[in-house]
Amino acid sequence: MSQPESGPQSGTPAGLRMPAEWDHHEGTWLGWPQNPADWPGKFAAIPWVYAEIVRLLSQHENVHILVNSEGVQTRAQSILKRAGANLDRVDFHVWPTDRVWLRDSGPIFVKDAHDAIAITDWKFNAWAKYDDWRKDDQVPAHVAKLLGLPRWQPASGNSRLVLEGGSIDVNGQGALITTEECLLSEVQQRNPGISREQLEQAFRDYLGIDQVLWMDRGVAGDDTHGHVDDITRFVGPTTIVTAVEPNTADDNHLPLKENLARLKASRTPEGKQWTIVELPLPRPVVFRSQRLPASYANFYIANGLVLVPTFHDPNDRIALNILAELFPTREVVGIHAVDLVWGLGTLHCMTQQQPG
């Protein structure tokens, strides 16, 4: 069951650093799908998609799964057993949640100056869109209590700062990518009244960030309004993949063109150009007349493995080949995500890595 919250650390930390996703993991955190309303009309397929993901992850690292009840845990264990997951590497935690997108509601793990693990617990307010977020906002405290880790709550003045894990991507060496649409738009109300400079200071204090690459906007259909993990990702210390859309009639064409231009104009701290690799998008994925945020950039990097969403599209093969070249020491595996993306997220949105 959920454990009492341990108090957050006071003051401003020194020496915190967010590792890159490709650094070694102790494990991956997931929330088991349990609300049919998150995938209306398609929910029956979703636990089996999760089971395949857990099967693959459990071959390489530990998997921590949040469930709302012991009954959900029993059903999940049965599905995972039938799917062939390594249950010896799967731990369940019965903690109530509002939804499953742990990339955004879960803890953002960091390391301190001594390479010890700590947790940053940013406020989660359901993307400033939904009223049910208070259970999700408690997840980092539960994890910190379970693991016995120090927990920091980033703030600016008296305001606890909102930050979703899907809105940032880091190279583990002081650089971070995000979007203005998500973090700076007053319309989205993530952090009203907080400036770009204040956010960058918080990134510096709590994530060890020296350089922020500000992209423009995210992909069409993105319920989060501009999460960077659907468009632009680090795949190495100086290598970035970014989604492009050559079709000038598509809603994604202009914002992604702008993002590419910004990347090309940016420089590393050493004054060199970033190595930029263009990643295609699938053709628009539409269900019930709603365009969905289908993107190959929502891949997840695990130990020895990269999971990539696929969409029954000719560009699936192209995207998989591009990522296989970028990760030659990892197995690159496509996960059918046409049903999964109806929940308005895919592989990166559902996972949160715990560094080793």
Protein backbone atom coordinates (compact mmCIF):
# COMPACT_ATOMS: atom_id res chain seq x y z
CA MET A 1 0.00 0.00 0.00
CA SER A 2 1.03 3.64 -0.25
CA GLN A 3 3.48 4.75 2.39
CA PRO A 4 3.51 8.03 4.31
CA GLU A 5 5.29 10.85 2.57
CA SER A 6 8.84 11.57 3.68
CA GLY A 7 9.63 15.25 3.84
CA PRO A 8 11.43 16.92 0.96
CA GLN A 9 14.94 18.26 1.41
CA SER A 10 15.27 21.94 2.26
CA GLY A 11 17.46 24.54 0.60
CA THR A 12 19.03 24.47 -2.84
CA PRO A 13 21.00 21.31 -3.66
CA ALA A 14 24.56 21.30 -4.91
CA GLY A 15 25.87 19.11 -7.70
CA LEU A 16 22.68 17.40 -8.88
CA ARG A 17 22.81 16.04 -12.43
CA MET A 18 20.23 14.24 -14.55
CA PRO A 19 21.88 11.30 -16.37
CA ALA A 20 21.22 10.61 -20.03
CA GLU A 21 18.58 8.02 -20.82
CA TRP A 22 21.19 5.77 -22.41
CA ASP A 23 23.19 5.56 -19.17
CA HIS A 24 22.80 2.33 -17.21
CA HIS A 25 19.39 1.77 -15.60
CA GLU A 26 18.53 0.01 -12.38
CA GLY A 27 15.07 -0.30 -13.83
CA THR A 28 12.04 1.20 -15.52
CA TRP A 29 8.89 2.50 -13.80
CA LEU A 30 5.45 2.00 -15.40
CA GLY A 31 1.81 2.43 -14.43
CA TRP A 32 -0.37 -0.53 -15.38
CA PRO A 33 -3.35 0.43 -17.63
CA GLN A 34 -6.52 0.22 -15.56
CA ASN A 35 -8.88 2.96 -16.76
CA PRO A 36 -10.87 2.05 -19.91
CA ALA A 37 -11.75 5.72 -20.37
CA ASP A 38 -8.12 6.43 -21.26
CA TRP A 39 -8.51 4.28 -24.40
CA PRO A 40 -12.27 4.37 -25.13
CA GLY A 41 -13.24 1.54 -27.45
CA LYS A 42 -9.71 0.10 -27.57
CA PHE A 43 -8.88 -0.67 -23.96
CA ALA A 44 -9.02 -4.48 -24.29
CA ALA A 45 -5.85 -4.47 -26.42
CA ILE A 46 -3.80 -2.15 -24.20
CA PRO A 47 -2.77 -4.51 -21.35
CA TRP A 48 -1.36 -6.87 -23.97
CA VAL A 49 0.70 -4.07 -25.51
CA TYR A 50 2.03 -3.30 -22.05
CA ALA A 51 2.76 -6.98 -21.48
CA GLU A 52 4.93 -7.12 -24.59
CA ILE A 53 6.81 -4.02 -23.45
CA VAL A 54 7.36 -5.49 -19.98
CA ARG A 55 8.45 -8.81 -21.53
CA LEU A 56 11.16 -7.03 -23.50
CA LEU A 57 12.27 -4.73 -20.69
CA SER A 58 12.44 -7.55 -18.13
CA GLN A 59 15.05 -9.29 -20.27
CA HIS A 60 17.40 -6.36 -19.64
CA GLU A 61 16.48 -4.58 -16.39
CA ASN A 62 14.09 -4.49 -13.46
CA VAL A 63 10.55 -3.25 -14.03
CA HIS A 64 8.49 -1.45 -11.37
CA ILE A 65 4.74 -1.38 -12.03
CA LEU A 66 2.20 0.80 -10.20
CA VAL A 67 -1.30 -0.62 -9.71
CA ASN A 68 -4.37 0.78 -7.96
CA SER A 69 -5.33 -2.42 -6.17
CA GLU A 70 -4.28 -5.96 -5.43
CA GLY A 71 -6.95 -7.16 -7.86
CA VAL A 72 -5.35 -5.20 -10.69
CA GLN A 73 -1.99 -6.66 -9.68
CA THR A 74 -3.33 -10.21 -9.87
CA ARG A 75 -4.75 -9.63 -13.35
CA ALA A 76 -1.55 -7.97 -14.51
CA GLN A 77 0.58 -10.85 -13.22
CA SER A 78 -1.59 -13.31 -15.11
CA ILE A 79 -1.26 -11.36 -18.36
CA LEU A 80 2.50 -10.94 -17.93
CA LYS A 81 2.97 -14.63 -17.21
CA ARG A 82 1.08 -15.58 -20.37
CA ALA A 83 3.12 -13.05 -22.36
CA GLY A 84 6.40 -14.59 -21.17
CA ALA A 85 7.71 -11.72 -19.04
CA ASN A 86 10.45 -12.45 -16.52
CA LEU A 87 8.40 -11.99 -13.35
CA ASP A 88 11.51 -12.35 -11.19
CA ARG A 89 12.47 -8.88 -12.40
CA VAL A 90 9.01 -7.30 -11.99
CA ASP A 91 7.93 -5.57 -8.77
CA PHE A 92 4.40 -4.26 -8.18
CA HIS A 93 3.55 -1.28 -5.99
CA VAL A 94 -0.07 -0.77 -4.89
CA TRP A 95 -0.28 3.03 -4.98
CA PRO A 96 -3.36 4.91 -6.22
CA THR A 97 -2.85 6.93 -9.40
CA ASP A 98 -5.01 9.02 -11.69
CA ARG A 99 -3.45 7.78 -14.94
CA VAL A 100 -0.52 5.79 -16.29
CA TRP A 101 1.84 8.35 -17.86
CA LEU A 102 4.76 8.03 -15.43
CA ARG A 103 7.12 9.96 -17.69
CA ASP A 104 5.22 13.03 -16.57
CA SER A 105 3.96 12.21 -13.08
CA GLY A 106 6.79 10.01 -11.86
CA PRO A 107 10.04 11.11 -10.23
CA ILE A 108 12.86 12.56 -12.29
CA PHE A 109 15.90 10.73 -10.96
CA VAL A 110 19.20 12.55 -10.61
CA LYS A 111 22.68 11.87 -9.23
CA ASP A 112 24.50 14.04 -6.74
CA ALA A 113 28.13 15.12 -6.68
CA HIS A 114 29.06 11.73 -5.16
CA ASP A 115 27.16 9.80 -7.85
CA ALA A 116 24.42 8.80 -5.39
CA ILE A 117 20.81 8.66 -6.62
CA ALA A 118 18.26 11.27 -5.55
CA ILE A 119 14.78 12.27 -6.70
CA THR A 120 13.47 15.56 -7.99
CA ASP A 121 9.77 15.89 -7.28
CA TRP A 122 8.32 18.55 -9.59
CA LYS A 123 4.68 19.45 -9.28
CA PHE A 124 2.35 17.56 -11.61
CA ASN A 125 -0.98 19.24 -12.49
CA ALA A 126 -2.17 16.99 -15.35
CA TRP A 127 -0.75 19.22 -18.07
CA ALA A 128 -2.80 22.15 -16.73
CA LYS A 129 -5.82 20.52 -18.40
CA TYR A 130 -7.53 18.04 -16.06
CA ASP A 131 -8.82 18.19 -12.50
CA ASP A 132 -7.68 14.72 -11.40
CA TRP A 133 -3.95 14.91 -10.68
CA ARG A 134 -3.46 14.81 -6.90
CA LYS A 135 -2.83 11.06 -6.69
CA ASP A 136 -0.30 11.26 -9.52
CA ASP A 137 1.44 14.18 -7.82
CA GLN A 138 2.21 11.88 -4.86
CA VAL A 139 4.07 9.25 -6.90
CA PRO A 140 7.59 10.74 -6.48
CA ALA A 141 7.13 10.87 -2.69
CA HIS A 142 6.05 7.21 -2.66
CA VAL A 143 9.10 6.20 -4.69
CA ALA A 144 11.49 8.23 -2.50
CA LYS A 145 10.04 6.63 0.65
CA LEU A 146 10.24 3.12 -0.80
CA LEU A 147 13.82 3.49 -1.99
CA GLY A 148 15.03 5.61 0.91
CA LEU A 149 16.21 8.40 -1.39
CA PRO A 150 16.50 12.14 -0.72
CA ARG A 151 13.76 14.11 -2.47
CA TRP A 152 13.95 17.69 -3.71
CA GLN A 153 10.92 19.79 -4.65
CA PRO A 154 12.06 22.45 -7.15
CA ALA A 155 10.52 25.86 -6.59
CA SER A 156 10.95 29.46 -7.61
CA GLY A 157 10.19 31.75 -4.70
CA ASN A 158 7.10 30.34 -3.02
CA SER A 159 5.90 28.55 -6.15
CA ARG A 160 6.54 24.83 -6.54
CA LEU A 161 7.49 24.39 -10.20
CA VAL A 162 5.54 22.25 -12.64
CA LEU A 163 7.61 20.07 -14.97
CA GLU A 164 6.68 16.90 -16.85
CA GLY A 165 9.40 14.48 -17.83
CA GLY A 166 8.12 14.39 -21.40
CA SER A 167 8.71 18.12 -21.76
CA ILE A 168 12.50 17.79 -21.47
CA ASP A 169 15.32 15.67 -22.84
CA VAL A 170 18.95 15.75 -21.69
CA ASN A 171 22.34 14.55 -22.86
CA GLY A 172 23.68 13.93 -19.34
CA GLN A 173 26.43 16.49 -19.91
CA GLY A 174 24.65 19.73 -19.16
CA ALA A 175 22.37 20.25 -22.19
CA LEU A 176 18.57 20.11 -22.20
CA ILE A 177 15.99 20.39 -25.00
CA THR A 178 12.45 21.66 -24.43
CA THR A 179 9.77 23.71 -26.21
CA GLU A 180 8.46 27.21 -25.77
CA GLU A 181 4.93 25.99 -26.49
CA CYS A 182 4.94 23.78 -23.41
CA LEU A 183 6.92 25.71 -20.81
CA LEU A 184 6.57 29.37 -21.78
CA SER A 185 3.00 29.69 -23.03
CA GLU A 186 0.82 31.59 -20.58
CA VAL A 187 -2.17 29.83 -22.15
CA GLN A 188 -1.00 26.45 -20.84
CA GLN A 189 -0.54 27.70 -17.26
CA ARG A 190 2.28 25.34 -16.33
CA ASN A 191 4.05 28.03 -14.33
CA PRO A 192 2.21 31.35 -14.67
CA GLY A 193 4.43 34.31 -13.94
CA ILE A 194 7.65 32.26 -14.08
CA SER A 195 10.13 33.51 -16.68
CA ARG A 196 12.41 31.66 -19.06
CA GLU A 197 15.36 32.74 -16.92
CA GLN A 198 13.77 31.37 -13.75
CA LEU A 199 13.10 28.02 -15.41
CA GLU A 200 16.65 27.85 -16.71
CA GLN A 201 17.93 28.55 -13.19
CA ALA A 202 15.80 25.70 -11.83
CA PHE A 203 17.18 23.38 -14.53
CA ARG A 204 20.67 24.45 -13.49
CA ASP A 205 20.02 23.89 -9.78
CA TYR A 206 18.12 20.60 -9.92
CA LEU A 207 19.17 18.89 -13.18
CA GLY A 208 22.72 20.17 -13.69
CA ILE A 209 21.87 22.01 -16.91
CA ASP A 210 24.19 24.65 -18.40
CA GLN A 211 22.54 25.00 -21.82
CA VAL A 212 18.87 24.93 -22.83
CA LEU A 213 17.91 24.41 -26.48
CA TRP A 214 14.45 25.95 -26.90
CA MET A 215 12.39 24.45 -29.68
CA ASP A 216 9.20 26.08 -30.98
CA ARG A 217 6.19 23.71 -30.99
CA GLY A 218 5.36 20.02 -30.79
CA VAL A 219 3.42 17.73 -33.11
CA ALA A 220 -0.22 17.99 -34.15
CA GLY A 221 -2.57 16.08 -31.86
CA ASP A 222 -0.32 16.37 -28.80
CA ASP A 223 -2.59 16.60 -25.76
CA THR A 224 0.31 17.99 -23.70
CA HIS A 225 0.86 21.03 -25.94
CA GLY A 226 4.41 20.65 -27.09
CA HIS A 227 6.20 17.83 -25.32
CA VAL A 228 9.68 17.54 -26.74
CA ASP A 229 9.75 13.72 -26.57
CA ASP A 230 7.51 13.61 -29.64
CA ILE A 231 9.83 15.75 -31.74
CA THR A 232 13.48 16.15 -30.72
CA ARG A 233 15.70 13.80 -28.67
CA PHE A 234 19.32 13.41 -27.71
CA VAL A 235 20.79 10.08 -28.81
CA GLY A 236 24.37 10.91 -27.83
CA PRO A 237 26.30 13.70 -26.11
CA THR A 238 26.38 15.78 -29.31
CA THR A 239 23.87 13.95 -31.53
CA ILE A 240 20.19 14.90 -31.81
CA VAL A 241 17.37 13.29 -33.77
CA THR A 242 14.54 15.58 -34.78
CA ALA A 243 11.25 14.86 -36.51
CA VAL A 244 10.59 16.44 -39.91
CA GLU A 245 7.54 16.59 -42.19
CA PRO A 246 8.26 17.36 -45.87
CA ASN A 247 4.57 17.59 -46.81
CA THR A 248 3.92 21.33 -46.86
CA ALA A 249 0.17 20.79 -46.50
CA ASP A 250 0.60 18.95 -43.19
CA ASP A 251 0.13 20.82 -39.91
CA ASN A 252 3.50 19.54 -38.71
CA HIS A 253 5.51 20.95 -41.61
CA LEU A 254 6.14 24.52 -40.45
CA PRO A 255 6.74 23.97 -36.71
CA LEU A 256 9.13 21.10 -37.36
CA LYS A 257 10.92 23.15 -40.02
CA GLU A 258 11.35 25.92 -37.44
CA ASN A 259 12.69 23.44 -34.88
CA LEU A 260 15.21 22.09 -37.38
CA ALA A 261 16.38 25.62 -38.18
CA ARG A 262 16.89 26.37 -34.49
CA LEU A 263 18.95 23.21 -34.04
CA LYS A 264 21.12 24.04 -37.03
CA ALA A 265 21.74 27.54 -35.66
CA SER A 266 22.62 26.25 -32.18
CA ARG A 267 26.12 25.31 -31.06
CA THR A 268 27.59 23.00 -28.45
CA PRO A 269 29.44 24.57 -25.52
CA GLU A 270 32.60 23.99 -27.56
CA GLY A 271 31.18 26.12 -30.38
CA LYS A 272 30.63 23.19 -32.75
CA GLN A 273 27.47 22.24 -34.62
CA TRP A 274 25.35 19.47 -33.18
CA THR A 275 25.15 16.31 -35.25
CA ILE A 276 21.53 16.44 -36.40
CA VAL A 277 19.71 13.38 -37.75
CA GLU A 278 16.29 13.86 -39.35
CA LEU A 279 13.59 11.37 -38.40
CA PRO A 280 10.42 10.99 -40.49
CA LEU A 281 6.90 10.92 -39.13
CA PRO A 282 4.28 8.33 -40.07
CA ARG A 283 1.32 9.40 -42.13
CA PRO A 284 -1.37 11.02 -39.95
CA VAL A 285 -2.94 8.53 -37.55
CA VAL A 286 -6.61 9.45 -37.10
CA PHE A 287 -9.25 7.72 -34.96
CA ARG A 288 -12.83 8.94 -34.48
CA SER A 289 -11.93 12.02 -36.54
CA GLN A 290 -9.17 12.96 -34.07
CA ARG A 291 -5.56 13.29 -35.16
CA LEU A 292 -3.26 11.50 -32.73
CA PRO A 293 0.35 12.39 -31.75
CA ALA A 294 1.99 9.55 -33.67
CA SER A 295 5.76 9.98 -33.69
CA TYR A 296 8.79 7.72 -33.89
CA ALA A 297 10.62 10.20 -31.62
CA ASN A 298 8.68 8.78 -28.66
CA PHE A 299 11.15 5.88 -28.42
CA TYR A 300 12.51 4.61 -25.09
CA ILE A 301 16.17 3.75 -24.46
CA ALA A 302 16.66 0.86 -22.02
CA ASN A 303 19.64 -1.32 -21.12
CA GLY A 304 20.65 -3.08 -24.33
CA LEU A 305 17.38 -2.12 -25.98
CA VAL A 306 15.55 0.70 -27.77
CA LEU A 307 11.76 0.38 -28.06
CA VAL A 308 10.28 2.34 -30.96
CA PRO A 309 6.57 2.99 -31.64
CA THR A 310 5.44 1.81 -35.07
CA PHE A 311 2.24 2.57 -36.94
CA HIS A 312 1.77 0.12 -39.87
CA ASP A 313 3.39 2.75 -42.09
CA PRO A 314 6.11 2.60 -44.77
CA ASN A 315 8.19 4.98 -42.67
CA ASP A 316 8.30 2.42 -39.84
CA ARG A 317 11.20 0.66 -41.54
CA ILE A 318 13.03 3.90 -42.26
CA ALA A 319 12.73 5.10 -38.67
CA LEU A 320 13.82 1.75 -37.25
CA ASN A 321 16.86 1.69 -39.53
CA ILE A 322 17.85 5.25 -38.56
CA LEU A 323 17.66 4.45 -34.86
CA ALA A 324 19.45 1.11 -35.33
CA GLU A 325 22.39 2.97 -36.86
CA LEU A 326 22.41 5.42 -33.95
CA PHE A 327 22.31 2.64 -31.34
CA PRO A 328 24.56 -0.09 -32.81
CA THR A 329 25.10 -1.83 -29.46
CA ARG A 330 21.40 -2.05 -28.60
CA GLU A 331 18.60 -4.14 -30.02
CA VAL A 332 16.10 -1.81 -31.71
CA VAL A 333 12.55 -3.22 -31.54
CA GLY A 334 9.34 -1.83 -32.99
CA ILE A 335 6.20 -1.88 -30.84
CA HIS A 336 2.84 -1.64 -32.61
CA ALA A 337 1.40 1.63 -31.25
CA VAL A 338 -1.70 2.38 -33.36
CA ASP A 339 -3.92 1.34 -30.44
CA LEU A 340 -1.60 2.71 -27.75
CA VAL A 341 -1.47 6.23 -29.22
CA TRP A 342 -5.26 6.51 -28.87
CA GLY A 343 -4.39 7.23 -25.23
CA LEU A 344 -2.44 10.26 -26.58
CA GLY A 345 0.97 8.85 -25.66
CA THR A 346 3.24 5.94 -26.47
CA LEU A 347 6.49 4.36 -25.26
CA HIS A 348 8.44 7.27 -23.83
CA CYS A 349 5.34 8.78 -22.24
CA MET A 350 4.60 5.61 -20.27
CA THR A 351 8.13 4.91 -18.98
CA GLN A 352 10.47 6.53 -16.46
CA GLN A 353 14.04 5.32 -16.04
CA GLN A 354 15.78 4.84 -12.71
CA PRO A 355 19.55 5.19 -13.11
CA GLY A 356 21.81 2.43 -11.87
